[in-house]
PDB file of N, CA and C in Angstrom:
ATOM      1  N   UNK A   1     101.982 190.205-109.817  1.00  0.00           N
ATOM      2  CA  UNK A   1     103.001 190.374-110.980  1.00  0.00           C
ATOM      3  C   UNK A   1     102.643 189.228-111.790  1.00  0.00           C
ATOM      4  N   UNK A   2     102.369 189.721-113.095  1.00  0.00           N
ATOM      5  CA  UNK A   2     102.226 188.640-114.130  1.00  0.00           C
ATOM      6  C   UNK A   2     103.563 188.042-114.608  1.00  0.00           C
ATOM      7  N   UNK A   3     103.568 186.625-114.798  1.00  0.00           N
ATOM      8  CA  UNK A   3     104.882 186.168-115.358  1.00  0.00           C
ATOM      9  C   UNK A   3     104.374 185.378-116.758  1.00  0.00           C
ATOM     10  N   UNK A   4     105.385 185.461-117.733  1.00  0.00           N
ATOM     11  CA  UNK A   4     104.862 184.852-118.920  1.00  0.00           C
ATOM     12  C   UNK A   4     106.266 184.422-119.428  1.00  0.00           C
ATOM     13  N   UNK A   5     106.175 183.576-120.566  1.00  0.00           N
ATOM     14  CA  UNK A   5     107.240 183.164-121.171  1.00  0.00           C
ATOM     15  C   UNK A   5     107.122 183.592-122.607  1.00  0.00           C
ATOM     16  N   UNK A   6     108.134 184.282-123.064  1.00  0.00           N
ATOM     17  CA  UNK A   6     108.289 185.142-124.253  1.00  0.00           C
ATOM     18  C   UNK A   6     109.118 184.428-125.250  1.00  0.00           C
ATOM     19  N   UNK A   7     108.944 184.382-126.438  1.00  0.00           N
ATOM     20  CA  UNK A   7     109.969 183.653-127.412  1.00  0.00           C
ATOM     21  C   UNK A   7     110.519 184.818-128.266  1.00  0.00           C
ATOM     22  N   UNK A   8     111.932 184.619-128.251  1.00  0.00           N
ATOM     23  CA  UNK A   8     112.792 185.520-129.035  1.00  0.00           C
ATOM     24  C   UNK A   8     113.974 184.481-129.512  1.00  0.00           C
ATOM     25  N   UNK A   9     114.206 184.646-130.801  1.00  0.00           N
ATOM     26  CA  UNK A   9     115.058 183.802-131.374  1.00  0.00           C
ATOM     27  C   UNK A   9     116.563 184.315-131.197  1.00  0.00           C
ATOM     28  N   UNK A  10     117.450 183.441-130.869  1.00  0.00           N
ATOM     29  CA  UNK A  10     118.874 183.981-130.542  1.00  0.00           C
ATOM     30  C   UNK A  10     119.863 182.890-131.070  1.00  0.00           C
ATOM     31  N   UNK A  11     121.055 183.208-131.298  1.00  0.00           N
ATOM     32  CA  UNK A  11     122.013 182.245-131.709  1.00  0.00           C
ATOM     33  C   UNK A  11     123.035 182.112-130.661  1.00  0.00           C
ATOM     34  N   UNK A  12     123.542 180.893-130.397  1.00  0.00           N
ATOM     35  CA  UNK A  12     124.586 180.733-129.346  1.00  0.00           C
ATOM     36  C   UNK A  12     125.657 180.067-130.091  1.00  0.00           C
ATOM     37  N   UNK A  13     127.006 180.743-130.185  1.00  0.00           N
ATOM     38  CA  UNK A  13     127.952 180.422-130.847  1.00  0.00           C
ATOM     39  C   UNK A  13     129.163 179.665-130.128  1.00  0.00           C
ATOM     40  N   UNK A  14     129.001 179.945-128.870  1.00  0.00           N
ATOM     41  CA  UNK A  14     130.181 179.305-128.069  1.00  0.00           C
ATOM     42  C   UNK A  14     129.518 178.574-126.937  1.00  0.00           C
ATOM     43  N   UNK A  15     129.780 177.130-126.773  1.00  0.00           N
ATOM     44  CA  UNK A  15     129.064 176.440-125.833  1.00  0.00           C
ATOM     45  C   UNK A  15     129.746 175.114-125.500  1.00  0.00           C
ATOM     46  N   UNK A  16     129.462 174.517-124.156  1.00  0.00           N
ATOM     47  CA  UNK A  16     129.900 173.161-123.982  1.00  0.00           C
ATOM     48  C   UNK A  16     128.859 172.184-124.294  1.00  0.00           C
ATOM     49  N   UNK A  17     129.140 171.136-125.108  1.00  0.00           N
ATOM     50  CA  UNK A  17     127.929 170.206-125.502  1.00  0.00           C
ATOM     51  C   UNK A  17     128.009 169.031-124.162  1.00  0.00           C
ATOM     52  N   UNK A  18     126.943 168.891-123.688  1.00  0.00           N
ATOM     53  CA  UNK A  18     126.573 167.761-122.745  1.00  0.00           C
ATOM     54  C   UNK A  18     126.035 166.497-123.453  1.00  0.00           C
ATOM     55  N   UNK A  19     126.889 165.333-123.323  1.00  0.00           N
ATOM     56  CA  UNK A  19     126.382 164.219-124.180  1.00  0.00           C
ATOM     57  C   UNK A  19     126.800 163.039-123.352  1.00  0.00           C
ATOM     58  N   UNK A  20     126.332 161.911-123.736  1.00  0.00           N
ATOM     59  CA  UNK A  20     126.693 160.495-123.297  1.00  0.00           C
ATOM     60  C   UNK A  20     126.069 160.218-121.900  1.00  0.00           C
ATOM     61  N   UNK A  21     126.625 159.268-121.351  1.00  0.00           N
ATOM     62  CA  UNK A  21     125.861 158.531-119.868  1.00  0.00           C
ATOM     63  C   UNK A  21     127.032 158.491-119.029  1.00  0.00           C
ATOM     64  N   UNK A  22     126.764 159.269-117.865  1.00  0.00           N
ATOM     65  CA  UNK A  22     127.949 159.366-116.945  1.00  0.00           C
ATOM     66  C   UNK A  22     127.278 159.182-115.685  1.00  0.00           C
ATOM     67  N   UNK A  23     128.132 158.524-114.747  1.00  0.00           N
ATOM     68  CA  UNK A  23     127.762 158.191-113.416  1.00  0.00           C
ATOM     69  C   UNK A  23     128.395 159.188-112.354  1.00  0.00           C
ATOM     70  N   UNK A  24     128.837 160.323-112.808  1.00  0.00           N
ATOM     71  CA  UNK A  24     129.401 161.316-111.905  1.00  0.00           C
ATOM     72  C   UNK A  24     128.799 162.681-112.012  1.00  0.00           C
ATOM     73  N   UNK A  25     129.341 163.735-111.267  1.00  0.00           N
ATOM     74  CA  UNK A  25     128.991 164.927-111.285  1.00  0.00           C
ATOM     75  C   UNK A  25     129.503 165.752-112.508  1.00  0.00           C
ATOM     76  N   UNK A  26     128.675 166.711-113.003  1.00  0.00           N
ATOM     77  CA  UNK A  26     129.178 167.526-113.976  1.00  0.00           C
ATOM     78  C   UNK A  26     128.992 169.174-113.396  1.00  0.00           C
ATOM     79  N   UNK A  27     130.014 169.852-113.536  1.00  0.00           N
ATOM     80  CA  UNK A  27     130.039 171.269-112.921  1.00  0.00           C
ATOM     81  C   UNK A  27     129.588 172.166-114.107  1.00  0.00           C
ATOM     82  N   UNK A  28     128.753 172.954-113.869  1.00  0.00           N
ATOM     83  CA  UNK A  28     128.275 174.077-114.752  1.00  0.00           C
ATOM     84  C   UNK A  28     128.674 175.526-114.341  1.00  0.00           C
ATOM     85  N   UNK A  29     129.694 175.973-114.884  1.00  0.00           N
ATOM     86  CA  UNK A  29     130.248 177.241-114.542  1.00  0.00           C
ATOM     87  C   UNK A  29     129.680 178.420-115.305  1.00  0.00           C
ATOM     88  N   UNK A  30     130.224 179.550-115.342  1.00  0.00           N
ATOM     89  CA  UNK A  30     129.614 180.622-116.086  1.00  0.00           C
ATOM     90  C   UNK A  30     129.843 180.333-117.567  1.00  0.00           C
ATOM     91  N   UNK A  31     128.629 180.231-118.196  1.00  0.00           N
ATOM     92  CA  UNK A  31     128.799 179.838-119.624  1.00  0.00           C
ATOM     93  C   UNK A  31     127.712 179.289-120.417  1.00  0.00           C
ATOM     94  N   UNK A  32     127.674 178.736-121.388  1.00  0.00           N
ATOM     95  CA  UNK A  32     126.559 177.941-122.143  1.00  0.00           C
ATOM     96  C   UNK A  32     126.751 176.666-122.156  1.00  0.00           C
ATOM     97  N   UNK A  33     125.647 175.788-122.111  1.00  0.00           N
ATOM     98  CA  UNK A  33     125.695 174.462-122.286  1.00  0.00           C
ATOM     99  C   UNK A  33     124.653 173.917-123.094  1.00  0.00           C
ATOM    100  N   UNK A  34     124.794 172.946-123.898  1.00  0.00           N
ATOM    101  CA  UNK A  34     123.970 172.543-124.905  1.00  0.00           C
ATOM    102  C   UNK A  34     123.534 171.062-124.803  1.00  0.00           C
ATOM    103  N   UNK A  35     122.384 170.520-124.699  1.00  0.00           N
ATOM    104  CA  UNK A  35     122.022 169.165-124.931  1.00  0.00           C
ATOM    105  C   UNK A  35     121.465 169.013-126.008  1.00  0.00           C
ATOM    106  N   UNK A  36     121.962 168.044-127.167  1.00  0.00           N
ATOM    107  CA  UNK A  36     121.404 167.789-128.467  1.00  0.00           C
ATOM    108  C   UNK A  36     120.681 166.456-128.595  1.00  0.00           C
ATOM    109  N   UNK A  37     121.229 165.451-127.638  1.00  0.00           N
ATOM    110  CA  UNK A  37     120.949 164.044-127.869  1.00  0.00           C
ATOM    111  C   UNK A  37     119.790 163.655-126.953  1.00  0.00           C
ATOM    112  N   UNK A  38     119.155 162.553-127.239  1.00  0.00           N
ATOM    113  CA  UNK A  38     118.246 161.920-126.342  1.00  0.00           C
ATOM    114  C   UNK A  38     119.171 161.060-125.287  1.00  0.00           C
ATOM    115  N   UNK A  39     118.613 160.760-124.215  1.00  0.00           N
ATOM    116  CA  UNK A  39     119.164 159.776-123.270  1.00  0.00           C
ATOM    117  C   UNK A  39     120.522 160.265-122.845  1.00  0.00           C
ATOM    118  N   UNK A  40     120.735 161.653-122.333  1.00  0.00           N
ATOM    119  CA  UNK A  40     121.901 162.064-121.907  1.00  0.00           C
ATOM    120  C   UNK A  40     121.869 161.922-120.341  1.00  0.00           C
ATOM    121  N   UNK A  41     122.786 161.330-119.642  1.00  0.00           N
ATOM    122  CA  UNK A  41     122.646 161.084-118.058  1.00  0.00           C
ATOM    123  C   UNK A  41     123.666 161.437-117.419  1.00  0.00           C
ATOM    124  N   UNK A  42     123.544 162.101-116.260  1.00  0.00           N
ATOM    125  CA  UNK A  42     124.495 162.396-115.192  1.00  0.00           C
ATOM    126  C   UNK A  42     123.997 161.960-113.934  1.00  0.00           C
ATOM    127  N   UNK A  43     124.885 161.885-113.042  1.00  0.00           N
ATOM    128  CA  UNK A  43     124.587 161.729-111.605  1.00  0.00           C
ATOM    129  C   UNK A  43     123.879 163.098-111.148  1.00  0.00           C
ATOM    130  N   UNK A  44     124.656 164.073-111.186  1.00  0.00           N
ATOM    131  CA  UNK A  44     124.392 165.452-110.617  1.00  0.00           C
ATOM    132  C   UNK A  44     124.974 166.488-111.455  1.00  0.00           C
ATOM    133  N   UNK A  45     124.200 167.578-111.827  1.00  0.00           N
ATOM    134  CA  UNK A  45     124.743 168.784-112.309  1.00  0.00           C
ATOM    135  C   UNK A  45     124.952 169.628-111.242  1.00  0.00           C
ATOM    136  N   UNK A  46     126.104 170.302-110.988  1.00  0.00           N
ATOM    137  CA  UNK A  46     126.365 171.097-109.897  1.00  0.00           C
ATOM    138  C   UNK A  46     126.448 172.445-110.668  1.00  0.00           C
ATOM    139  N   UNK A  47     125.721 173.519-110.217  1.00  0.00           N
ATOM    140  CA  UNK A  47     125.837 174.845-110.842  1.00  0.00           C
ATOM    141  C   UNK A  47     126.685 175.475-109.857  1.00  0.00           C
ATOM    142  N   UNK A  48     127.647 176.057-110.634  1.00  0.00           N
ATOM    143  CA  UNK A  48     128.934 176.761-109.880  1.00  0.00           C
ATOM    144  C   UNK A  48     129.091 178.105-110.326  1.00  0.00           C
ATOM    145  N   UNK A  49     128.182 178.791-111.015  1.00  0.00           N
ATOM    146  CA  UNK A  49     128.238 180.077-111.475  1.00  0.00           C
ATOM    147  C   UNK A  49     127.061 180.418-112.166  1.00  0.00           C
ATOM    148  N   UNK A  50     127.033 181.355-113.069  1.00  0.00           N
ATOM    149  CA  UNK A  50     125.848 181.777-113.775  1.00  0.00           C
ATOM    150  C   UNK A  50     125.776 180.869-115.101  1.00  0.00           C
ATOM    151  N   UNK A  51     125.154 179.839-114.980  1.00  0.00           N
ATOM    152  CA  UNK A  51     125.133 178.814-116.264  1.00  0.00           C
ATOM    153  C   UNK A  51     123.681 179.049-116.976  1.00  0.00           C
ATOM    154  N   UNK A  52     123.893 178.635-118.262  1.00  0.00           N
ATOM    155  CA  UNK A  52     122.823 178.756-119.087  1.00  0.00           C
ATOM    156  C   UNK A  52     122.721 177.454-119.967  1.00  0.00           C
ATOM    157  N   UNK A  53     121.436 176.788-119.863  1.00  0.00           N
ATOM    158  CA  UNK A  53     121.336 175.462-120.553  1.00  0.00           C
ATOM    159  C   UNK A  53     120.440 175.512-121.537  1.00  0.00           C
ATOM    160  N   UNK A  54     120.702 175.041-122.683  1.00  0.00           N
ATOM    161  CA  UNK A  54     119.974 174.904-123.872  1.00  0.00           C
ATOM    162  C   UNK A  54     119.408 173.450-124.147  1.00  0.00           C
ATOM    163  N   UNK A  55     118.077 173.415-124.275  1.00  0.00           N
ATOM    164  CA  UNK A  55     117.659 171.889-124.496  1.00  0.00           C
ATOM    165  C   UNK A  55     117.152 171.959-125.966  1.00  0.00           C
ATOM    166  N   UNK A  56     117.910 171.328-126.936  1.00  0.00           N
ATOM    167  CA  UNK A  56     117.346 171.158-128.310  1.00  0.00           C
ATOM    168  C   UNK A  56     116.158 170.416-128.557  1.00  0.00           C
ATOM    169  N   UNK A  57     115.577 170.566-129.547  1.00  0.00           N
ATOM    170  CA  UNK A  57     114.370 169.753-129.988  1.00  0.00           C
ATOM    171  C   UNK A  57     114.760 168.262-129.822  1.00  0.00           C
ATOM    172  N   UNK A  58     113.820 167.478-129.101  1.00  0.00           N
ATOM    173  CA  UNK A  58     114.041 166.103-128.878  1.00  0.00           C
ATOM    174  C   UNK A  58     115.094 165.812-127.922  1.00  0.00           C
ATOM    175  N   UNK A  59     115.899 166.714-127.247  1.00  0.00           N
ATOM    176  CA  UNK A  59     116.910 166.241-126.270  1.00  0.00           C
ATOM    177  C   UNK A  59     116.318 165.766-124.963  1.00  0.00           C
ATOM    178  N   UNK A  60     117.121 165.003-124.339  1.00  0.00           N
ATOM    179  CA  UNK A  60     116.511 164.672-122.958  1.00  0.00           C
ATOM    180  C   UNK A  60     117.707 164.324-122.111  1.00  0.00           C
ATOM    181  N   UNK A  61     117.873 165.077-121.006  1.00  0.00           N
ATOM    182  CA  UNK A  61     118.964 164.835-120.029  1.00  0.00           C
ATOM    183  C   UNK A  61     118.309 164.413-118.719  1.00  0.00           C
ATOM    184  N   UNK A  62     118.687 163.385-118.041  1.00  0.00           N
ATOM    185  CA  UNK A  62     118.152 162.844-116.848  1.00  0.00           C
ATOM    186  C   UNK A  62     119.435 162.861-115.784  1.00  0.00           C
ATOM    187  N   UNK A  63     118.887 163.314-114.584  1.00  0.00           N
ATOM    188  CA  UNK A  63     119.858 163.445-113.322  1.00  0.00           C
ATOM    189  C   UNK A  63     119.429 162.513-112.217  1.00  0.00           C
ATOM    190  N   UNK A  64     120.197 161.498-111.893  1.00  0.00           N
ATOM    191  CA  UNK A  64     119.804 160.627-110.932  1.00  0.00           C
ATOM    192  C   UNK A  64     120.000 161.093-109.552  1.00  0.00           C
ATOM    193  N   UNK A  65     121.160 162.114-109.451  1.00  0.00           N
ATOM    194  CA  UNK A  65     121.219 162.680-108.032  1.00  0.00           C
ATOM    195  C   UNK A  65     120.959 164.060-108.121  1.00  0.00           C
ATOM    196  N   UNK A  66     120.141 164.600-108.891  1.00  0.00           N
ATOM    197  CA  UNK A  66     119.397 165.802-108.924  1.00  0.00           C
ATOM    198  C   UNK A  66     120.394 166.940-109.464  1.00  0.00           C
ATOM    199  N   UNK A  67     119.936 168.161-109.116  1.00  0.00           N
ATOM    200  CA  UNK A  67     120.621 169.314-109.583  1.00  0.00           C
ATOM    201  C   UNK A  67     121.193 170.153-108.296  1.00  0.00           C
ATOM    202  N   UNK A  68     122.404 170.434-108.162  1.00  0.00           N
ATOM    203  CA  UNK A  68     122.763 171.215-107.049  1.00  0.00           C
ATOM    204  C   UNK A  68     122.844 172.688-107.256  1.00  0.00           C
ATOM    205  N   UNK A  69     122.139 173.541-106.611  1.00  0.00           N
ATOM    206  CA  UNK A  69     122.042 174.917-106.885  1.00  0.00           C
ATOM    207  C   UNK A  69     121.878 175.787-105.731  1.00  0.00           C
ATOM    208  N   UNK A  70     122.997 176.388-105.400  1.00  0.00           N
ATOM    209  CA  UNK A  70     123.038 177.082-103.996  1.00  0.00           C
ATOM    210  C   UNK A  70     123.456 178.547-103.947  1.00  0.00           C
ATOM    211  N   UNK A  71     123.072 179.220-103.020  1.00  0.00           N
ATOM    212  CA  UNK A  71     123.746 180.578-102.844  1.00  0.00           C
ATOM    213  C   UNK A  71     123.133 181.517-104.096  1.00  0.00           C
ATOM    214  N   UNK A  72     123.901 182.377-104.623  1.00  0.00           N
ATOM    215  CA  UNK A  72     123.701 183.244-105.574  1.00  0.00           C
ATOM    216  C   UNK A  72     124.185 182.706-107.020  1.00  0.00           C
ATOM    217  N   UNK A  73     124.309 181.586-107.157  1.00  0.00           N
ATOM    218  CA  UNK A  73     124.499 180.742-108.493  1.00  0.00           C
ATOM    219  C   UNK A  73     123.129 180.757-109.160  1.00  0.00           C
ATOM    220  N   UNK A  74     123.232 180.811-110.513  1.00  0.00           N
ATOM    221  CA  UNK A  74     121.909 180.927-111.279  1.00  0.00           C
ATOM    222  C   UNK A  74     121.983 180.021-112.369  1.00  0.00           C
ATOM    223  N   UNK A  75     120.885 179.297-112.755  1.00  0.00           N
ATOM    224  CA  UNK A  75     120.796 178.573-113.908  1.00  0.00           C
ATOM    225  C   UNK A  75     119.548 178.941-114.814  1.00  0.00           C
ATOM    226  N   UNK A  76     119.677 179.324-116.043  1.00  0.00           N
ATOM    227  CA  UNK A  76     118.648 179.629-116.974  1.00  0.00           C
ATOM    228  C   UNK A  76     118.486 178.773-117.894  1.00  0.00           C
ATOM    229  N   UNK A  77     117.288 178.234-118.187  1.00  0.00           N
ATOM    230  CA  UNK A  77     117.144 176.971-119.068  1.00  0.00           C
ATOM    231  C   UNK A  77     116.221 177.459-120.312  1.00  0.00           C
ATOM    232  N   UNK A  78     116.754 177.111-121.454  1.00  0.00           N
ATOM    233  CA  UNK A  78     116.347 177.604-122.757  1.00  0.00           C
ATOM    234  C   UNK A  78     115.718 176.518-123.678  1.00  0.00           C
ATOM    235  N   UNK A  79     114.538 176.591-124.263  1.00  0.00           N
ATOM    236  CA  UNK A  79     114.166 175.474-125.091  1.00  0.00           C
ATOM    237  C   UNK A  79     114.315 175.747-126.591  1.00  0.00           C
ATOM    238  N   UNK A  80     114.601 174.994-127.550  1.00  0.00           N
ATOM    239  CA  UNK A  80     114.598 175.190-128.821  1.00  0.00           C
ATOM    240  C   UNK A  80     113.072 174.753-129.217  1.00  0.00           C
ATOM    241  N   UNK A  81     112.666 175.397-130.343  1.00  0.00           N
ATOM    242  CA  UNK A  81     111.133 175.043-130.658  1.00  0.00           C
ATOM    243  C   UNK A  81     111.180 174.727-132.154  1.00  0.00           C
ATOM    244  N   UNK A  82     110.224 173.950-132.468  1.00  0.00           N
ATOM    245  CA  UNK A  82     109.905 173.780-133.871  1.00  0.00           C
ATOM    246  C   UNK A  82     110.915 173.078-134.803  1.00  0.00           C
ATOM    247  N   UNK A  83     111.639 172.144-134.241  1.00  0.00           N
ATOM    248  CA  UNK A  83     112.603 171.355-135.024  1.00  0.00           C
ATOM    249  C   UNK A  83     111.809 170.600-136.209  1.00  0.00           C
ATOM    250  N   UNK A  84     112.865 170.202-137.274  1.00  0.00           N
ATOM    251  CA  UNK A  84     112.314 169.703-138.389  1.00  0.00           C
ATOM    252  C   UNK A  84     111.532 168.203-137.999  1.00  0.00           C
ATOM    253  N   UNK A  85     112.048 167.635-136.848  1.00  0.00           N
ATOM    254  CA  UNK A  85     111.499 166.166-136.590  1.00  0.00           C
ATOM    255  C   UNK A  85     110.227 166.243-135.766  1.00  0.00           C
ATOM    256  N   UNK A  86     109.668 167.621-135.439  1.00  0.00           N
ATOM    257  CA  UNK A  86     108.300 167.857-134.714  1.00  0.00           C
ATOM    258  C   UNK A  86     108.330 167.377-133.366  1.00  0.00           C
ATOM    259  N   UNK A  87     109.434 167.149-132.773  1.00  0.00           N
ATOM    260  CA  UNK A  87     109.621 166.535-131.483  1.00  0.00           C
ATOM    261  C   UNK A  87     109.400 167.644-130.362  1.00  0.00           C
ATOM    262  N   UNK A  88     109.580 168.889-130.758  1.00  0.00           N
ATOM    263  CA  UNK A  88     109.379 169.865-129.488  1.00  0.00           C
ATOM    264  C   UNK A  88     110.448 170.119-128.797  1.00  0.00           C
ATOM    265  N   UNK A  89     110.570 171.000-127.866  1.00  0.00           N
ATOM    266  CA  UNK A  89     111.761 171.214-127.013  1.00  0.00           C
ATOM    267  C   UNK A  89     112.254 170.224-126.148  1.00  0.00           C
ATOM    268  N   UNK A  90     113.218 170.087-125.726  1.00  0.00           N
ATOM    269  CA  UNK A  90     113.870 169.099-124.881  1.00  0.00           C
ATOM    270  C   UNK A  90     113.396 168.991-123.643  1.00  0.00           C
ATOM    271  N   UNK A  91     113.723 168.000-122.796  1.00  0.00           N
ATOM    272  CA  UNK A  91     113.277 167.732-121.257  1.00  0.00           C
ATOM    273  C   UNK A  91     114.462 167.663-120.363  1.00  0.00           C
ATOM    274  N   UNK A  92     114.182 168.064-119.243  1.00  0.00           N
ATOM    275  CA  UNK A  92     115.165 167.853-118.142  1.00  0.00           C
ATOM    276  C   UNK A  92     114.605 167.004-117.064  1.00  0.00           C
ATOM    277  N   UNK A  93     114.821 165.902-116.591  1.00  0.00           N
ATOM    278  CA  UNK A  93     114.513 165.050-115.622  1.00  0.00           C
ATOM    279  C   UNK A  93     115.324 165.094-114.414  1.00  0.00           C
ATOM    280  N   UNK A  94     114.983 165.778-113.438  1.00  0.00           N
ATOM    281  CA  UNK A  94     115.866 165.806-112.273  1.00  0.00           C
ATOM    282  C   UNK A  94     115.223 165.039-111.011  1.00  0.00           C
ATOM    283  N   UNK A  95     115.708 164.015-110.745  1.00  0.00           N
ATOM    284  CA  UNK A  95     115.170 163.221-109.643  1.00  0.00           C
ATOM    285  C   UNK A  95     116.387 163.045-108.673  1.00  0.00           C
ATOM    286  N   UNK A  96     115.968 162.426-107.509  1.00  0.00           N
ATOM    287  CA  UNK A  96     117.158 162.122-106.585  1.00  0.00           C
ATOM    288  C   UNK A  96     117.104 160.907-106.019  1.00  0.00           C
ATOM    289  N   UNK A  97     117.476 159.950-106.721  1.00  0.00           N
ATOM    290  CA  UNK A  97     117.427 158.599-106.043  1.00  0.00           C
ATOM    291  C   UNK A  97     118.695 158.126-105.251  1.00  0.00           C
ATOM    292  N   UNK A  98     119.867 158.971-105.385  1.00  0.00           N
ATOM    293  CA  UNK A  98     121.161 158.863-105.043  1.00  0.00           C
ATOM    294  C   UNK A  98     121.236 159.358-103.589  1.00  0.00           C
ATOM    295  N   UNK A  99     120.614 160.239-103.138  1.00  0.00           N
ATOM    296  CA  UNK A  99     120.765 160.819-101.668  1.00  0.00           C
ATOM    297  C   UNK A  99     119.601 160.835-101.006  1.00  0.00           C
ATOM    298  N   UNK A 100     119.774 160.473 -99.729  1.00  0.00           N
ATOM    299  CA  UNK A 100     118.481 160.376 -98.649  1.00  0.00           C
ATOM    300  C   UNK A 100     118.063 161.944 -98.580  1.00  0.00           C
ATOM    301  N   UNK A 101     116.869 162.024 -98.435  1.00  0.00           N
ATOM    302  CA  UNK A 101     116.109 163.449 -98.066  1.00  0.00           C
ATOM    303  C   UNK A 101     116.777 164.642 -98.808  1.00  0.00           C
ATOM    304  N   UNK A 102     116.941 164.422-100.193  1.00  0.00           N
ATOM    305  CA  UNK A 102     117.551 165.569-100.987  1.00  0.00           C
ATOM    306  C   UNK A 102     116.494 165.942-101.965  1.00  0.00           C
ATOM    307  N   UNK A 103     116.336 167.088-102.487  1.00  0.00           N
ATOM    308  CA  UNK A 103     115.323 167.229-103.536  1.00  0.00           C
ATOM    309  C   UNK A 103     116.035 167.073-104.801  1.00  0.00           C
ATOM    310  N   UNK A 104     115.006 167.066-105.905  1.00  0.00           N
ATOM    311  CA  UNK A 104     115.512 166.816-107.439  1.00  0.00           C
ATOM    312  C   UNK A 104     116.351 168.104-107.793  1.00  0.00           C
ATOM    313  N   UNK A 105     116.102 169.177-107.418  1.00  0.00           N
ATOM    314  CA  UNK A 105     116.619 170.781-107.604  1.00  0.00           C
ATOM    315  C   UNK A 105     116.779 171.298-106.421  1.00  0.00           C
ATOM    316  N   UNK A 106     117.822 171.568-105.895  1.00  0.00           N
ATOM    317  CA  UNK A 106     118.232 172.352-104.854  1.00  0.00           C
ATOM    318  C   UNK A 106     119.712 172.266-104.483  1.00  0.00           C
ATOM    319  N   UNK A 107     119.815 172.384-102.993  1.00  0.00           N
ATOM    320  CA  UNK A 107     121.178 172.393-102.561  1.00  0.00           C
ATOM    321  C   UNK A 107     121.266 172.418-101.077  1.00  0.00           C
ATOM    322  N   UNK A 108     122.113 171.483-100.523  1.00  0.00           N
ATOM    323  CA  UNK A 108     122.624 171.479 -99.091  1.00  0.00           C
ATOM    324  C   UNK A 108     121.640 172.123 -98.184  1.00  0.00           C
ATOM    325  N   UNK A 109     122.407 172.883 -97.270  1.00  0.00           N
ATOM    326  CA  UNK A 109     121.708 173.592 -96.090  1.00  0.00           C
ATOM    327  C   UNK A 109     121.277 174.914 -96.684  1.00  0.00           C
ATOM    328  N   UNK A 110     121.535 175.503 -97.632  1.00  0.00           N
ATOM    329  CA  UNK A 110     121.198 176.803 -98.183  1.00  0.00           C
ATOM    330  C   UNK A 110     119.735 176.401 -99.016  1.00  0.00           C
ATOM    331  N   UNK A 111     118.782 177.512 -98.689  1.00  0.00           N
ATOM    332  CA  UNK A 111     117.597 177.389 -99.295  1.00  0.00           C
ATOM    333  C   UNK A 111     117.552 178.197-100.597  1.00  0.00           C
ATOM    334  N   UNK A 112     117.053 177.525-101.765  1.00  0.00           N
ATOM    335  CA  UNK A 112     116.919 178.136-103.044  1.00  0.00           C
ATOM    336  C   UNK A 112     115.418 178.293-103.342  1.00  0.00           C
ATOM    337  N   UNK A 113     115.248 178.946-104.557  1.00  0.00           N
ATOM    338  CA  UNK A 113     113.827 179.087-105.103  1.00  0.00           C
ATOM    339  C   UNK A 113     113.810 178.718-106.425  1.00  0.00           C
ATOM    340  N   UNK A 114     112.692 178.362-106.912  1.00  0.00           N
ATOM    341  CA  UNK A 114     112.410 178.039-108.288  1.00  0.00           C
ATOM    342  C   UNK A 114     111.555 179.008-108.751  1.00  0.00           C
ATOM    343  N   UNK A 115     111.854 180.033-109.599  1.00  0.00           N
ATOM    344  CA  UNK A 115     111.039 181.093-110.165  1.00  0.00           C
ATOM    345  C   UNK A 115     111.118 181.324-111.503  1.00  0.00           C
ATOM    346  N   UNK A 116     110.258 181.417-112.274  1.00  0.00           N
ATOM    347  CA  UNK A 116     110.292 181.919-113.681  1.00  0.00           C
ATOM    348  C   UNK A 116     110.880 183.334-113.821  1.00  0.00           C
ATOM    349  N   UNK A 117     111.767 183.465-114.671  1.00  0.00           N
ATOM    350  CA  UNK A 117     112.188 184.809-115.026  1.00  0.00           C
ATOM    351  C   UNK A 117     111.173 185.821-115.659  1.00  0.00           C
ATOM    352  N   UNK A 118     110.800 186.783-114.993  1.00  0.00           N
ATOM    353  CA  UNK A 118     109.679 187.747-115.407  1.00  0.00           C
ATOM    354  C   UNK A 118     110.316 188.680-116.574  1.00  0.00           C
ATOM    355  N   UNK A 119     111.507 188.362-117.088  1.00  0.00           N
ATOM    356  CA  UNK A 119     111.968 189.352-118.225  1.00  0.00           C
ATOM    357  C   UNK A 119     111.321 189.037-119.356  1.00  0.00           C
ATOM    358  N   UNK A 120     110.712 190.319-120.023  1.00  0.00           N
ATOM    359  CA  UNK A 120     110.137 190.212-121.195  1.00  0.00           C
ATOM    360  C   UNK A 120     110.927 189.830-122.361  1.00  0.00           C
ATOM    361  N   UNK A 121     112.146 189.715-122.284  1.00  0.00           N
ATOM    362  CA  UNK A 121     113.029 189.409-123.307  1.00  0.00           C
ATOM    363  C   UNK A 121     113.164 188.015-123.549  1.00  0.00           C
ATOM    364  N   UNK A 122     112.469 187.120-123.291  1.00  0.00           N
ATOM    365  CA  UNK A 122     112.429 185.732-123.582  1.00  0.00           C
ATOM    366  C   UNK A 122     113.574 184.940-123.329  1.00  0.00           C
ATOM    367  N   UNK A 123     114.381 185.175-122.173  1.00  0.00           N
ATOM    368  CA  UNK A 123     115.665 184.871-121.911  1.00  0.00           C
ATOM    369  C   UNK A 123     115.537 183.420-121.262  1.00  0.00           C
ATOM    370  N   UNK A 124     114.358 182.929-121.155  1.00  0.00           N
ATOM    371  CA  UNK A 124     114.323 181.466-120.682  1.00  0.00           C
ATOM    372  C   UNK A 124     113.651 181.463-119.053  1.00  0.00           C
ATOM    373  N   UNK A 125     113.805 180.408-118.515  1.00  0.00           N
ATOM    374  CA  UNK A 125     113.462 180.160-117.062  1.00  0.00           C
ATOM    375  C   UNK A 125     114.624 180.225-116.210  1.00  0.00           C
ATOM    376  N   UNK A 126     114.693 181.233-115.245  1.00  0.00           N
ATOM    377  CA  UNK A 126     115.835 181.266-114.495  1.00  0.00           C
ATOM    378  C   UNK A 126     115.522 180.645-112.970  1.00  0.00           C
ATOM    379  N   UNK A 127     116.533 179.896-112.570  1.00  0.00           N
ATOM    380  CA  UNK A 127     116.567 179.310-111.325  1.00  0.00           C
ATOM    381  C   UNK A 127     117.490 179.822-110.326  1.00  0.00           C
ATOM    382  N   UNK A 128     117.425 180.155-109.052  1.00  0.00           N
ATOM    383  CA  UNK A 128     118.481 180.524-108.207  1.00  0.00           C
ATOM    384  C   UNK A 128     118.079 179.922-106.724  1.00  0.00           C
TER     385      UNK A 128
END
């Protein structure tokens, strides 16, 4: 199966803005989340539903406790492209320095997988 990334322009009108520096967990439920700023930090993002994350041009989010993603929960990550600042799409840095023997993205005893969404609709990369 050939997998590819497609580009499709879409507009998101209703979302939760992720910003600031936090030393705690942030739950991502069913819905849309946007990172606009550089240097946004959380300990852990806990995906608790069908979440969509948009990384705006020049945005950066760092996770020191990784991203928890278990069972049938999904996360689709979108990138903005071609901003006026020329920065390009944002970045997600998921490491795990807070918990022993744990992955940067994954979860507990349940095994998950990281696979690009093969959809030709350009809907981003989907992780489950």
